[in-house]
Amino acid sequence: MTSPTPEKNSAADALREWGFDVKTFEARARKSLDTARGDLTEINGAVRQTLTQAKEVLVNLQKQRKPVAAELKQGFEEAWDAIEKAFARAREKVR
């Protein structure tokens, strides 16, 4: 560990005067930092795995673009027809 700077040393002295255990705090801080690094590594791994899976899905969709587009187009057309028929039935009931 490097030698403490005058600012750090005076702050540590002031904290000790108040009954604060600086060494224990530093040890806990190091442990918390190590835990946070481990958590970050785990999260980073999960994000990378999800990114890889998303890329695979996108590549598959791109390869099968035409059938997927046709399926979506048909679904939208059927939904629009159903909406138009529902409005027509509603108009007839109102008359």
C-alpha atoms as a PDB file:
ATOM      1  CA  MET A   1       0.000   0.000   0.000  1.00  0.00           C
ATOM      2  CA  THR A   2       1.237   3.494  -0.739  1.00  0.00           C
ATOM      3  CA  SER A   3       2.033   5.987   1.956  1.00  0.00           C
ATOM      4  CA  PRO A   4      -1.002   8.075   2.938  1.00  0.00           C
ATOM      5  CA  THR A   5      -1.246  11.627   1.707  1.00  0.00           C
ATOM      6  CA  PRO A   6      -1.337  14.414   4.307  1.00  0.00           C
ATOM      7  CA  GLU A   7      -5.059  14.995   3.592  1.00  0.00           C
ATOM      8  CA  LYS A   8      -5.853  11.305   4.057  1.00  0.00           C
ATOM      9  CA  ASN A   9      -3.741  11.086   7.196  1.00  0.00           C
ATOM     10  CA  SER A  10      -5.376  14.121   8.810  1.00  0.00           C
ATOM     11  CA  ALA A  11      -8.839  12.840   7.900  1.00  0.00           C
ATOM     12  CA  ALA A  12      -7.994   9.432   9.365  1.00  0.00           C
ATOM     13  CA  ASP A  13      -6.719  11.135  12.548  1.00  0.00           C
ATOM     14  CA  ALA A  14      -9.927  13.142  12.847  1.00  0.00           C
ATOM     15  CA  LEU A  15     -12.031  10.014  12.377  1.00  0.00           C
ATOM     16  CA  ARG A  16      -9.992   8.156  15.009  1.00  0.00           C
ATOM     17  CA  GLU A  17     -10.612  11.028  17.440  1.00  0.00           C
ATOM     18  CA  TRP A  18     -14.340  10.479  16.963  1.00  0.00           C
ATOM     19  CA  GLY A  19     -13.893   6.762  17.729  1.00  0.00           C
ATOM     20  CA  PHE A  20     -14.090   5.580  14.131  1.00  0.00           C
ATOM     21  CA  ASP A  21     -11.945   2.511  13.345  1.00  0.00           C
ATOM     22  CA  VAL A  22     -10.329   3.413  10.024  1.00  0.00           C
ATOM     23  CA  LYS A  23      -8.563   0.059   9.537  1.00  0.00           C
ATOM     24  CA  THR A  24     -11.816  -1.888   9.949  1.00  0.00           C
ATOM     25  CA  PHE A  25     -13.578   0.497   7.587  1.00  0.00           C
ATOM     26  CA  GLU A  26     -10.839   0.090   4.945  1.00  0.00           C
ATOM     27  CA  ALA A  27     -11.011  -3.718   5.257  1.00  0.00           C
ATOM     28  CA  ARG A  28     -14.795  -3.680   4.847  1.00  0.00           C
ATOM     29  CA  ALA A  29     -14.520  -1.296   1.926  1.00  0.00           C
ATOM     30  CA  ARG A  30     -12.020  -3.605   0.186  1.00  0.00           C
ATOM     31  CA  LYS A  31     -14.304  -6.592   0.794  1.00  0.00           C
ATOM     32  CA  SER A  32     -17.314  -4.673  -0.565  1.00  0.00           C
ATOM     33  CA  LEU A  33     -15.317  -3.612  -3.600  1.00  0.00           C
ATOM     34  CA  ASP A  34     -14.271  -7.215  -4.282  1.00  0.00           C
ATOM     35  CA  THR A  35     -17.894  -8.348  -3.945  1.00  0.00           C
ATOM     36  CA  ALA A  36     -19.048  -5.586  -6.283  1.00  0.00           C
ATOM     37  CA  ARG A  37     -16.417  -6.604  -8.829  1.00  0.00           C
ATOM     38  CA  GLY A  38     -17.660 -10.196  -8.636  1.00  0.00           C
ATOM     39  CA  ASP A  39     -21.256  -9.069  -9.075  1.00  0.00           C
ATOM     40  CA  LEU A  40     -20.272  -6.875 -12.004  1.00  0.00           C
ATOM     41  CA  THR A  41     -18.456  -9.791 -13.634  1.00  0.00           C
ATOM     42  CA  GLU A  42     -21.544 -11.974 -13.213  1.00  0.00           C
ATOM     43  CA  ILE A  43     -23.848  -9.295 -14.632  1.00  0.00           C
ATOM     44  CA  ASN A  44     -21.444  -8.655 -17.498  1.00  0.00           C
ATOM     45  CA  GLY A  45     -21.472 -12.372 -18.335  1.00  0.00           C
ATOM     46  CA  ALA A  46     -25.267 -12.503 -18.316  1.00  0.00           C
ATOM     47  CA  VAL A  47     -25.492  -9.436 -20.556  1.00  0.00           C
ATOM     48  CA  ARG A  48     -22.972 -10.899 -22.994  1.00  0.00           C
ATOM     49  CA  GLN A  49     -24.904 -14.189 -23.108  1.00  0.00           C
ATOM     50  CA  THR A  50     -28.174 -12.346 -23.740  1.00  0.00           C
ATOM     51  CA  LEU A  51     -26.520 -10.269 -26.451  1.00  0.00           C
ATOM     52  CA  THR A  52     -25.245 -13.424 -28.145  1.00  0.00           C
ATOM     53  CA  GLN A  53     -28.724 -14.976 -28.041  1.00  0.00           C
ATOM     54  CA  ALA A  54     -30.307 -11.789 -29.412  1.00  0.00           C
ATOM     55  CA  LYS A  55     -27.794 -11.721 -32.269  1.00  0.00           C
ATOM     56  CA  GLU A  56     -28.640 -15.353 -33.100  1.00  0.00           C
ATOM     57  CA  VAL A  57     -32.354 -14.539 -33.198  1.00  0.00           C
ATOM     58  CA  LEU A  58     -31.737 -11.528 -35.428  1.00  0.00           C
ATOM     59  CA  VAL A  59     -29.533 -13.512 -37.794  1.00  0.00           C
ATOM     60  CA  ASN A  60     -32.180 -16.243 -38.026  1.00  0.00           C
ATOM     61  CA  LEU A  61     -34.898 -13.676 -38.706  1.00  0.00           C
ATOM     62  CA  GLN A  62     -32.741 -12.041 -41.335  1.00  0.00           C
ATOM     63  CA  LYS A  63     -32.092 -15.385 -43.050  1.00  0.00           C
ATOM     64  CA  GLN A  64     -35.793 -16.218 -43.017  1.00  0.00           C
ATOM     65  CA  ARG A  65     -36.899 -12.684 -43.700  1.00  0.00           C
ATOM     66  CA  LYS A  66     -39.310 -13.448 -46.516  1.00  0.00           C
ATOM     67  CA  PRO A  67     -41.435 -16.105 -44.738  1.00  0.00           C
ATOM     68  CA  VAL A  68     -41.507 -14.048 -41.546  1.00  0.00           C
ATOM     69  CA  ALA A  69     -42.540 -10.912 -43.405  1.00  0.00           C
ATOM     70  CA  ALA A  70     -45.264 -12.802 -45.260  1.00  0.00           C
ATOM     71  CA  GLU A  71     -46.570 -14.263 -41.998  1.00  0.00           C
ATOM     72  CA  LEU A  72     -46.653 -10.843 -40.339  1.00  0.00           C
ATOM     73  CA  LYS A  73     -48.325  -9.243 -43.360  1.00  0.00           C
ATOM     74  CA  GLN A  74     -51.036 -11.903 -43.389  1.00  0.00           C
ATOM     75  CA  GLY A  75     -51.611 -11.471 -39.654  1.00  0.00           C
ATOM     76  CA  PHE A  76     -51.922  -7.698 -39.946  1.00  0.00           C
ATOM     77  CA  GLU A  77     -54.309  -8.008 -42.909  1.00  0.00           C
ATOM     78  CA  GLU A  78     -56.518 -10.473 -41.019  1.00  0.00           C
ATOM     79  CA  ALA A  79     -56.554  -8.210 -37.967  1.00  0.00           C
ATOM     80  CA  TRP A  80     -57.458  -5.165 -40.101  1.00  0.00           C
ATOM     81  CA  ASP A  81     -60.272  -7.098 -41.823  1.00  0.00           C
ATOM     82  CA  ALA A  82     -61.627  -8.144 -38.408  1.00  0.00           C
ATOM     83  CA  ILE A  83     -61.558  -4.521 -37.220  1.00  0.00           C
ATOM     84  CA  GLU A  84     -63.370  -3.298 -40.358  1.00  0.00           C
ATOM     85  CA  LYS A  85     -66.044  -6.006 -39.981  1.00  0.00           C
ATOM     86  CA  ALA A  86     -66.525  -5.109 -36.300  1.00  0.00           C
ATOM     87  CA  PHE A  87     -67.062  -1.436 -37.224  1.00  0.00           C
ATOM     88  CA  ALA A  88     -69.510  -2.424 -39.980  1.00  0.00           C
ATOM     89  CA  ARG A  89     -71.511  -4.605 -37.538  1.00  0.00           C
ATOM     90  CA  ALA A  90     -71.516  -1.779 -34.980  1.00  0.00           C
ATOM     91  CA  ARG A  91     -72.812   0.695 -37.619  1.00  0.00           C
ATOM     92  CA  GLU A  92     -75.600  -1.708 -38.591  1.00  0.00           C
ATOM     93  CA  LYS A  93     -76.665  -2.088 -34.943  1.00  0.00           C
ATOM     94  CA  VAL A  94     -76.770   1.685 -34.470  1.00  0.00           C
ATOM     95  CA  ARG A  95     -79.000   2.208 -37.537  1.00  0.00           C
END
